[in-house]
Amino acid sequence: MGGSYEQKLLARVVLIVGGTSGIGFAVAQASISEGAHVIIVSSQPEKVTSAIGRLKNLCPSGSVTGRTCDLSDADDLEDKLEQLFQSIEGPLDHIIFTAATTPAMVPVSGLNVNIIRQASSLSFMAPLLVAKVGAKHLRPGHESSITLTGGSVGERPQGNWVLPAAYAAAIPGMARGLALELKPTRVNVVSPGATMTEIWNPMPAEIRQGTWQAIAQGHTTGKMGRPQDVAEAYVYLMKDWNSSGSVVHSNGGVLLM
């Protein structure tokens, strides 16, 4: 059946955990541009304030607010998430999880329980518990969604990246299980490749540019991904009411090389 395309994000409420920088910030900007009210979440109040200001400059007529929630400590993670979601009035329509930290580049010989546990808090426990707690605050029905973030490193690991690869590979399985348990709410994954975000900022500019050029040579597109390109995948998954348990790749074709 034919029909007109709907403005599916107009007046919808989108919560973005990790929405103050990188891909999450780009998703926030894209969602606001589509008419959504966006709530960005970060561990640091100053980052939330700064990101809200930047988003209002970019989208003067848009609607954006923020919350602070530190997800780095697994011990009180669920309690913090309960407080976060209870602080939001009214139902949510979409939850996006893009929160990340610099990967622990440790060879398997250097791993121990503490390193594995510390990495798991943000990379595995947090998205799972965000889905668990957040699902209760989503508007019922198939129009609502949760979108998690994986990574191409889960399918094409690099040396000393066994830990990031393991957690990235686990996210699609997590999403499929959640899609079954939380149905009809849709749960999907975006799997980005290397993307030009602030996570590279600690590198000196010259080394960073050289690294990006080297990475780009391993992509069929011949370029690094930009946050605003990857953000389109999240917008798509929010708007495709027929997509659940799916993984959308935005990686410059790196898996083909």
C-alpha atoms as a PDB file:
ATOM      1  CA  MET A   1       0.000   0.000   0.000  1.00  0.00           C
ATOM      2  CA  GLY A   2       1.225   3.479  -0.804  1.00  0.00           C
ATOM      3  CA  GLY A   3       0.929   6.540   1.351  1.00  0.00           C
ATOM      4  CA  SER A   4       2.612   9.739   2.373  1.00  0.00           C
ATOM      5  CA  TYR A   5       5.746   9.650   4.471  1.00  0.00           C
ATOM      6  CA  GLU A   6       5.145  10.700   8.052  1.00  0.00           C
ATOM      7  CA  GLN A   7       7.202  12.984  10.255  1.00  0.00           C
ATOM      8  CA  LYS A   8       7.780  10.141  12.652  1.00  0.00           C
ATOM      9  CA  LEU A   9      10.016  12.023  15.079  1.00  0.00           C
ATOM     10  CA  LEU A  10       7.927  15.184  15.273  1.00  0.00           C
ATOM     11  CA  ALA A  11       7.098  15.923  18.942  1.00  0.00           C
ATOM     12  CA  ARG A  12       8.596  12.583  20.038  1.00  0.00           C
ATOM     13  CA  VAL A  13      10.781  12.402  23.144  1.00  0.00           C
ATOM     14  CA  VAL A  14      14.257  10.951  22.571  1.00  0.00           C
ATOM     15  CA  LEU A  15      16.635  10.179  25.443  1.00  0.00           C
ATOM     16  CA  ILE A  16      20.286   9.896  24.411  1.00  0.00           C
ATOM     17  CA  VAL A  17      22.679   8.396  26.948  1.00  0.00           C
ATOM     18  CA  GLY A  18      26.048   9.749  25.853  1.00  0.00           C
ATOM     19  CA  GLY A  19      24.501  12.628  23.928  1.00  0.00           C
ATOM     20  CA  THR A  20      27.007  15.348  24.782  1.00  0.00           C
ATOM     21  CA  SER A  21      29.746  14.446  22.307  1.00  0.00           C
ATOM     22  CA  GLY A  22      30.673  12.409  19.255  1.00  0.00           C
ATOM     23  CA  ILE A  23      28.052  10.226  17.650  1.00  0.00           C
ATOM     24  CA  GLY A  24      25.556  10.832  20.463  1.00  0.00           C
ATOM     25  CA  PHE A  25      25.735  14.599  19.981  1.00  0.00           C
ATOM     26  CA  ALA A  26      25.198  14.155  16.244  1.00  0.00           C
ATOM     27  CA  VAL A  27      22.161  11.948  16.936  1.00  0.00           C
ATOM     28  CA  ALA A  28      20.828  14.661  19.241  1.00  0.00           C
ATOM     29  CA  GLN A  29      21.222  17.321  16.555  1.00  0.00           C
ATOM     30  CA  ALA A  30      19.646  15.104  13.901  1.00  0.00           C
ATOM     31  CA  SER A  31      16.702  14.236  16.164  1.00  0.00           C
ATOM     32  CA  ILE A  32      16.070  17.889  17.017  1.00  0.00           C
ATOM     33  CA  SER A  33      16.178  18.709  13.304  1.00  0.00           C
ATOM     34  CA  GLU A  34      13.460  16.078  12.801  1.00  0.00           C
ATOM     35  CA  GLY A  35      11.257  17.828  15.364  1.00  0.00           C
ATOM     36  CA  ALA A  36      11.930  15.657  18.422  1.00  0.00           C
ATOM     37  CA  HIS A  37      12.385  16.844  21.993  1.00  0.00           C
ATOM     38  CA  VAL A  38      15.786  15.535  23.046  1.00  0.00           C
ATOM     39  CA  ILE A  39      17.105  14.746  26.519  1.00  0.00           C
ATOM     40  CA  ILE A  40      20.874  14.285  26.614  1.00  0.00           C
ATOM     41  CA  VAL A  41      22.611  12.405  29.423  1.00  0.00           C
ATOM     42  CA  SER A  42      26.260  12.533  30.485  1.00  0.00           C
ATOM     43  CA  SER A  43      28.304  11.816  33.590  1.00  0.00           C
ATOM     44  CA  GLN A  44      29.541  15.414  33.879  1.00  0.00           C
ATOM     45  CA  PRO A  45      27.214  18.405  34.471  1.00  0.00           C
ATOM     46  CA  GLU A  46      29.512  20.807  32.618  1.00  0.00           C
ATOM     47  CA  LYS A  47      29.388  18.614  29.518  1.00  0.00           C
ATOM     48  CA  VAL A  48      25.593  18.576  29.639  1.00  0.00           C
ATOM     49  CA  THR A  49      25.430  22.366  29.961  1.00  0.00           C
ATOM     50  CA  SER A  50      27.934  22.887  27.145  1.00  0.00           C
ATOM     51  CA  ALA A  51      26.196  20.443  24.802  1.00  0.00           C
ATOM     52  CA  ILE A  52      22.784  22.015  25.408  1.00  0.00           C
ATOM     53  CA  GLY A  53      24.232  25.415  24.530  1.00  0.00           C
ATOM     54  CA  ARG A  54      25.806  24.094  21.328  1.00  0.00           C
ATOM     55  CA  LEU A  55      22.609  22.330  20.294  1.00  0.00           C
ATOM     56  CA  LYS A  56      20.526  25.456  20.886  1.00  0.00           C
ATOM     57  CA  ASN A  57      22.950  27.439  18.724  1.00  0.00           C
ATOM     58  CA  LEU A  58      22.729  24.838  15.965  1.00  0.00           C
ATOM     59  CA  CYS A  59      18.948  24.386  16.274  1.00  0.00           C
ATOM     60  CA  PRO A  60      17.557  27.665  17.705  1.00  0.00           C
ATOM     61  CA  SER A  61      13.939  26.533  17.540  1.00  0.00           C
ATOM     62  CA  GLY A  62      14.663  23.050  18.879  1.00  0.00           C
ATOM     63  CA  SER A  63      13.779  21.529  22.224  1.00  0.00           C
ATOM     64  CA  VAL A  64      16.588  20.033  24.317  1.00  0.00           C
ATOM     65  CA  THR A  65      17.181  19.407  28.012  1.00  0.00           C
ATOM     66  CA  GLY A  66      19.749  17.373  29.925  1.00  0.00           C
ATOM     67  CA  ARG A  67      20.412  15.096  32.868  1.00  0.00           C
ATOM     68  CA  THR A  68      23.532  13.923  34.690  1.00  0.00           C
ATOM     69  CA  CYS A  69      24.127  10.239  35.405  1.00  0.00           C
ATOM     70  CA  ASP A  70      27.486   8.548  36.004  1.00  0.00           C
ATOM     71  CA  LEU A  71      27.416   4.989  34.653  1.00  0.00           C
ATOM     72  CA  SER A  72      31.035   4.086  35.356  1.00  0.00           C
ATOM     73  CA  ASP A  73      30.454   2.340  38.706  1.00  0.00           C
ATOM     74  CA  ALA A  74      28.634  -0.977  38.455  1.00  0.00           C
ATOM     75  CA  ASP A  75      27.844  -1.171  42.176  1.00  0.00           C
ATOM     76  CA  ASP A  76      25.061   1.426  42.141  1.00  0.00           C
ATOM     77  CA  LEU A  77      24.376   1.497  38.410  1.00  0.00           C
ATOM     78  CA  GLU A  78      20.764   0.330  38.538  1.00  0.00           C
ATOM     79  CA  ASP A  79      19.866   2.729  41.373  1.00  0.00           C
ATOM     80  CA  LYS A  80      21.302   5.653  39.401  1.00  0.00           C
ATOM     81  CA  LEU A  81      19.322   4.646  36.323  1.00  0.00           C
ATOM     82  CA  GLU A  82      16.106   4.378  38.326  1.00  0.00           C
ATOM     83  CA  GLN A  83      16.697   7.923  39.587  1.00  0.00           C
ATOM     84  CA  LEU A  84      17.474   9.143  36.070  1.00  0.00           C
ATOM     85  CA  PHE A  85      14.307   7.798  34.501  1.00  0.00           C
ATOM     86  CA  GLN A  86      12.114   8.835  37.428  1.00  0.00           C
ATOM     87  CA  SER A  87      13.352  12.413  36.989  1.00  0.00           C
ATOM     88  CA  ILE A  88      11.806  12.573  33.521  1.00  0.00           C
ATOM     89  CA  GLU A  89       8.165  13.600  33.311  1.00  0.00           C
ATOM     90  CA  GLY A  90       5.957  11.728  30.893  1.00  0.00           C
ATOM     91  CA  PRO A  91       6.711   8.755  28.656  1.00  0.00           C
ATOM     92  CA  LEU A  92       9.683   8.463  26.330  1.00  0.00           C
ATOM     93  CA  ASP A  93       9.429   7.410  22.699  1.00  0.00           C
ATOM     94  CA  HIS A  94      13.020   6.394  22.006  1.00  0.00           C
ATOM     95  CA  ILE A  95      16.143   5.585  24.014  1.00  0.00           C
ATOM     96  CA  ILE A  96      19.575   5.768  22.379  1.00  0.00           C
ATOM     97  CA  PHE A  97      22.731   4.460  24.061  1.00  0.00           C
ATOM     98  CA  THR A  98      25.995   5.837  22.658  1.00  0.00           C
ATOM     99  CA  ALA A  99      28.000   6.293  25.869  1.00  0.00           C
ATOM    100  CA  ALA A 100      31.590   5.133  25.478  1.00  0.00           C
ATOM    101  CA  THR A 101      35.072   5.610  26.801  1.00  0.00           C
ATOM    102  CA  THR A 102      38.559   5.096  25.395  1.00  0.00           C
ATOM    103  CA  PRO A 103      38.944   1.338  24.815  1.00  0.00           C
ATOM    104  CA  ALA A 104      41.273  -0.595  27.093  1.00  0.00           C
ATOM    105  CA  MET A 105      44.071  -1.605  24.701  1.00  0.00           C
ATOM    106  CA  VAL A 106      45.420  -4.518  26.713  1.00  0.00           C
ATOM    107  CA  PRO A 107      46.711  -7.816  25.285  1.00  0.00           C
ATOM    108  CA  VAL A 108      45.010 -10.910  26.623  1.00  0.00           C
ATOM    109  CA  SER A 109      48.151 -11.698  28.626  1.00  0.00           C
ATOM    110  CA  GLY A 110      47.661  -8.456  30.549  1.00  0.00           C
ATOM    111  CA  LEU A 111      43.984  -8.897  31.383  1.00  0.00           C
ATOM    112  CA  ASN A 112      42.737  -9.547  34.887  1.00  0.00           C
ATOM    113  CA  VAL A 113      39.371  -9.641  36.617  1.00  0.00           C
ATOM    114  CA  ASN A 114      39.518  -5.990  37.656  1.00  0.00           C
ATOM    115  CA  ILE A 115      40.242  -4.727  34.129  1.00  0.00           C
ATOM    116  CA  ILE A 116      37.490  -6.895  32.655  1.00  0.00           C
ATOM    117  CA  ARG A 117      34.978  -5.836  35.304  1.00  0.00           C
ATOM    118  CA  GLN A 118      35.815  -2.148  34.958  1.00  0.00           C
ATOM    119  CA  ALA A 119      35.369  -2.226  31.183  1.00  0.00           C
ATOM    120  CA  SER A 120      32.108  -4.135  31.480  1.00  0.00           C
ATOM    121  CA  SER A 121      30.341  -1.422  33.475  1.00  0.00           C
ATOM    122  CA  LEU A 122      29.951   1.024  30.593  1.00  0.00           C
ATOM    123  CA  SER A 123      30.384  -1.388  27.686  1.00  0.00           C
ATOM    124  CA  PHE A 124      27.985  -4.148  28.747  1.00  0.00           C
ATOM    125  CA  MET A 125      26.159  -3.634  32.043  1.00  0.00           C
ATOM    126  CA  ALA A 126      25.089  -0.048  31.356  1.00  0.00           C
ATOM    127  CA  PRO A 127      23.327  -0.640  28.007  1.00  0.00           C
ATOM    128  CA  LEU A 128      21.622  -3.752  29.369  1.00  0.00           C
ATOM    129  CA  LEU A 129      20.365  -1.973  32.485  1.00  0.00           C
ATOM    130  CA  VAL A 130      19.385   1.144  30.522  1.00  0.00           C
ATOM    131  CA  ALA A 131      17.152  -1.126  28.450  1.00  0.00           C
ATOM    132  CA  LYS A 132      15.786  -2.897  31.528  1.00  0.00           C
ATOM    133  CA  VAL A 133      14.965   0.252  33.489  1.00  0.00           C
ATOM    134  CA  GLY A 134      14.162   2.473  30.522  1.00  0.00           C
ATOM    135  CA  ALA A 135      11.670   0.075  28.952  1.00  0.00           C
ATOM    136  CA  LYS A 136       9.234   0.803  31.788  1.00  0.00           C
ATOM    137  CA  HIS A 137       9.255   4.476  30.812  1.00  0.00           C
ATOM    138  CA  LEU A 138       8.696   4.029  27.072  1.00  0.00           C
ATOM    139  CA  ARG A 139       5.359   4.670  25.446  1.00  0.00           C
ATOM    140  CA  PRO A 140       3.817   1.215  24.818  1.00  0.00           C
ATOM    141  CA  GLY A 141       3.820  -0.117  21.272  1.00  0.00           C
ATOM    142  CA  HIS A 142       5.968  -0.858  18.247  1.00  0.00           C
ATOM    143  CA  GLU A 143       6.563   2.815  17.494  1.00  0.00           C
ATOM    144  CA  SER A 144       8.891   3.058  20.504  1.00  0.00           C
ATOM    145  CA  SER A 145      12.468   1.836  20.338  1.00  0.00           C
ATOM    146  CA  ILE A 146      15.784   1.297  22.073  1.00  0.00           C
ATOM    147  CA  THR A 147      18.942   1.584  19.976  1.00  0.00           C
ATOM    148  CA  LEU A 148      22.262   0.327  21.325  1.00  0.00           C
ATOM    149  CA  THR A 149      25.754   0.820  19.925  1.00  0.00           C
ATOM    150  CA  GLY A 150      28.096  -1.977  18.880  1.00  0.00           C
ATOM    151  CA  GLY A 151      31.170  -1.593  16.710  1.00  0.00           C
ATOM    152  CA  SER A 152      32.935  -3.087  13.711  1.00  0.00           C
ATOM    153  CA  VAL A 153      35.782  -4.132  16.030  1.00  0.00           C
ATOM    154  CA  GLY A 154      33.446  -6.876  17.245  1.00  0.00           C
ATOM    155  CA  GLU A 155      33.545  -8.435  13.770  1.00  0.00           C
ATOM    156  CA  ARG A 156      37.073  -7.480  12.784  1.00  0.00           C
ATOM    157  CA  PRO A 157      39.232  -7.312  15.931  1.00  0.00           C
ATOM    158  CA  GLN A 158      42.612  -5.654  16.106  1.00  0.00           C
ATOM    159  CA  GLY A 159      45.637  -6.623  18.147  1.00  0.00           C
ATOM    160  CA  ASN A 160      45.360  -5.852  21.873  1.00  0.00           C
ATOM    161  CA  TRP A 161      41.640  -5.083  21.471  1.00  0.00           C
ATOM    162  CA  VAL A 162      40.227  -8.386  22.696  1.00  0.00           C
ATOM    163  CA  LEU A 163      38.187  -6.662  25.417  1.00  0.00           C
ATOM    164  CA  PRO A 164      36.534  -4.001  23.205  1.00  0.00           C
ATOM    165  CA  ALA A 165      35.972  -6.672  20.549  1.00  0.00           C
ATOM    166  CA  ALA A 166      34.281  -8.983  23.038  1.00  0.00           C
ATOM    167  CA  TYR A 167      31.860  -6.380  24.344  1.00  0.00           C
ATOM    168  CA  ALA A 168      31.113  -4.952  20.879  1.00  0.00           C
ATOM    169  CA  ALA A 169      30.321  -8.451  19.615  1.00  0.00           C
ATOM    170  CA  ALA A 170      28.013  -9.068  22.579  1.00  0.00           C
ATOM    171  CA  ILE A 171      25.744  -6.087  21.888  1.00  0.00           C
ATOM    172  CA  PRO A 172      23.869  -7.549  18.866  1.00  0.00           C
ATOM    173  CA  GLY A 173      23.062 -10.688  20.867  1.00  0.00           C
ATOM    174  CA  MET A 174      21.905  -8.526  23.747  1.00  0.00           C
ATOM    175  CA  ALA A 175      19.650  -6.538  21.422  1.00  0.00           C
ATOM    176  CA  ARG A 176      18.067  -9.632  19.902  1.00  0.00           C
ATOM    177  CA  GLY A 177      17.290 -11.021  23.348  1.00  0.00           C
ATOM    178  CA  LEU A 178      15.860  -7.689  24.463  1.00  0.00           C
ATOM    179  CA  ALA A 179      13.768  -7.396  21.301  1.00  0.00           C
ATOM    180  CA  LEU A 180      12.075 -10.678  22.217  1.00  0.00           C
ATOM    181  CA  GLU A 181      11.565  -9.894  25.896  1.00  0.00           C
ATOM    182  CA  LEU A 182      10.468  -6.277  25.453  1.00  0.00           C
ATOM    183  CA  LYS A 183       8.246  -6.747  22.397  1.00  0.00           C
ATOM    184  CA  PRO A 184       6.488  -4.912  20.851  1.00  0.00           C
ATOM    185  CA  THR A 185       9.090  -2.288  21.764  1.00  0.00           C
ATOM    186  CA  ARG A 186      11.761  -2.447  19.077  1.00  0.00           C
ATOM    187  CA  VAL A 187      15.424  -2.963  20.012  1.00  0.00           C
ATOM    188  CA  ASN A 188      18.198  -2.504  17.456  1.00  0.00           C
ATOM    189  CA  VAL A 189      21.929  -1.819  17.143  1.00  0.00           C
ATOM    190  CA  VAL A 190      24.067   0.590  15.169  1.00  0.00           C
ATOM    191  CA  SER A 191      27.562  -0.779  14.541  1.00  0.00           C
ATOM    192  CA  PRO A 192      29.934   2.069  13.630  1.00  0.00           C
ATOM    193  CA  GLY A 193      33.441   1.759  12.340  1.00  0.00           C
ATOM    194  CA  ALA A 194      36.218   4.229  13.102  1.00  0.00           C
ATOM    195  CA  THR A 195      34.617   7.662  13.395  1.00  0.00           C
ATOM    196  CA  MET A 196      36.097  11.148  13.765  1.00  0.00           C
ATOM    197  CA  THR A 197      34.963  11.964  17.292  1.00  0.00           C
ATOM    198  CA  GLU A 198      36.467  13.620  20.358  1.00  0.00           C
ATOM    199  CA  ILE A 199      37.773  10.255  21.552  1.00  0.00           C
ATOM    200  CA  TRP A 200      40.807  10.907  19.309  1.00  0.00           C
ATOM    201  CA  ASN A 201      41.534  14.338  20.816  1.00  0.00           C
ATOM    202  CA  PRO A 202      44.303  13.184  23.213  1.00  0.00           C
ATOM    203  CA  MET A 203      46.451  12.489  20.137  1.00  0.00           C
ATOM    204  CA  PRO A 204      48.577  15.369  18.805  1.00  0.00           C
ATOM    205  CA  ALA A 205      46.842  16.835  15.734  1.00  0.00           C
ATOM    206  CA  GLU A 206      49.514  15.717  13.250  1.00  0.00           C
ATOM    207  CA  ILE A 207      49.528  12.138  14.522  1.00  0.00           C
ATOM    208  CA  ARG A 208      45.731  12.104  14.611  1.00  0.00           C
ATOM    209  CA  GLN A 209      45.456  13.193  10.974  1.00  0.00           C
ATOM    210  CA  GLY A 210      48.010  10.586   9.934  1.00  0.00           C
ATOM    211  CA  THR A 211      46.128   7.891  11.826  1.00  0.00           C
ATOM    212  CA  TRP A 212      42.847   8.877  10.185  1.00  0.00           C
ATOM    213  CA  GLN A 213      44.449   8.768   6.739  1.00  0.00           C
ATOM    214  CA  ALA A 214      45.853   5.300   7.424  1.00  0.00           C
ATOM    215  CA  ILE A 215      42.476   4.037   8.645  1.00  0.00           C
ATOM    216  CA  ALA A 216      40.702   5.564   5.629  1.00  0.00           C
ATOM    217  CA  GLN A 217      42.897   3.515   3.284  1.00  0.00           C
ATOM    218  CA  GLY A 218      41.306   0.401   4.769  1.00  0.00           C
ATOM    219  CA  HIS A 219      37.783   1.577   3.882  1.00  0.00           C
ATOM    220  CA  THR A 220      36.113   1.053   0.523  1.00  0.00           C
ATOM    221  CA  THR A 221      34.881   4.650   0.795  1.00  0.00           C
ATOM    222  CA  GLY A 222      38.432   5.914   1.195  1.00  0.00           C
ATOM    223  CA  LYS A 223      37.459   8.095   4.137  1.00  0.00           C
ATOM    224  CA  MET A 224      36.847   8.076   7.873  1.00  0.00           C
ATOM    225  CA  GLY A 225      33.298   8.139   9.136  1.00  0.00           C
ATOM    226  CA  ARG A 226      31.834  11.394  10.421  1.00  0.00           C
ATOM    227  CA  PRO A 227      29.463  11.505  13.407  1.00  0.00           C
ATOM    228  CA  GLN A 228      26.762  13.171  11.311  1.00  0.00           C
ATOM    229  CA  ASP A 229      26.915  10.286   8.827  1.00  0.00           C
ATOM    230  CA  VAL A 230      26.665   7.592  11.498  1.00  0.00           C
ATOM    231  CA  ALA A 231      23.825   9.493  13.195  1.00  0.00           C
ATOM    232  CA  GLU A 232      21.622   8.812  10.175  1.00  0.00           C
ATOM    233  CA  ALA A 233      21.586   5.117  11.114  1.00  0.00           C
ATOM    234  CA  TYR A 234      20.090   5.885  14.528  1.00  0.00           C
ATOM    235  CA  VAL A 235      17.449   8.143  12.986  1.00  0.00           C
ATOM    236  CA  TYR A 236      16.572   5.405  10.512  1.00  0.00           C
ATOM    237  CA  LEU A 237      16.099   2.809  13.247  1.00  0.00           C
ATOM    238  CA  MET A 238      13.843   5.131  15.218  1.00  0.00           C
ATOM    239  CA  LYS A 239      11.702   5.755  12.144  1.00  0.00           C
ATOM    240  CA  ASP A 240      11.514   2.230  10.706  1.00  0.00           C
ATOM    241  CA  TRP A 241       8.659   0.715  12.698  1.00  0.00           C
ATOM    242  CA  ASN A 242       9.326  -2.646  11.018  1.00  0.00           C
ATOM    243  CA  SER A 243      12.877  -3.006  12.314  1.00  0.00           C
ATOM    244  CA  SER A 244      13.636  -4.951  15.498  1.00  0.00           C
ATOM    245  CA  GLY A 245      16.564  -7.153  16.463  1.00  0.00           C
ATOM    246  CA  SER A 246      18.509  -5.630  13.575  1.00  0.00           C
ATOM    247  CA  VAL A 247      22.057  -4.327  13.202  1.00  0.00           C
ATOM    248  CA  VAL A 248      22.800  -1.390  10.906  1.00  0.00           C
ATOM    249  CA  HIS A 249      26.458  -1.029   9.913  1.00  0.00           C
ATOM    250  CA  SER A 250      28.052   2.354   9.243  1.00  0.00           C
ATOM    251  CA  ASN A 251      31.725   1.524   8.800  1.00  0.00           C
ATOM    252  CA  GLY A 252      32.999   2.765   5.451  1.00  0.00           C
ATOM    253  CA  GLY A 253      33.061  -0.771   4.056  1.00  0.00           C
ATOM    254  CA  VAL A 254      35.903  -1.855   6.349  1.00  0.00           C
ATOM    255  CA  LEU A 255      34.549  -5.397   6.658  1.00  0.00           C
ATOM    256  CA  LEU A 256      35.037  -5.894   2.908  1.00  0.00           C
ATOM    257  CA  MET A 257      38.718  -5.019   2.848  1.00  0.00           C
END
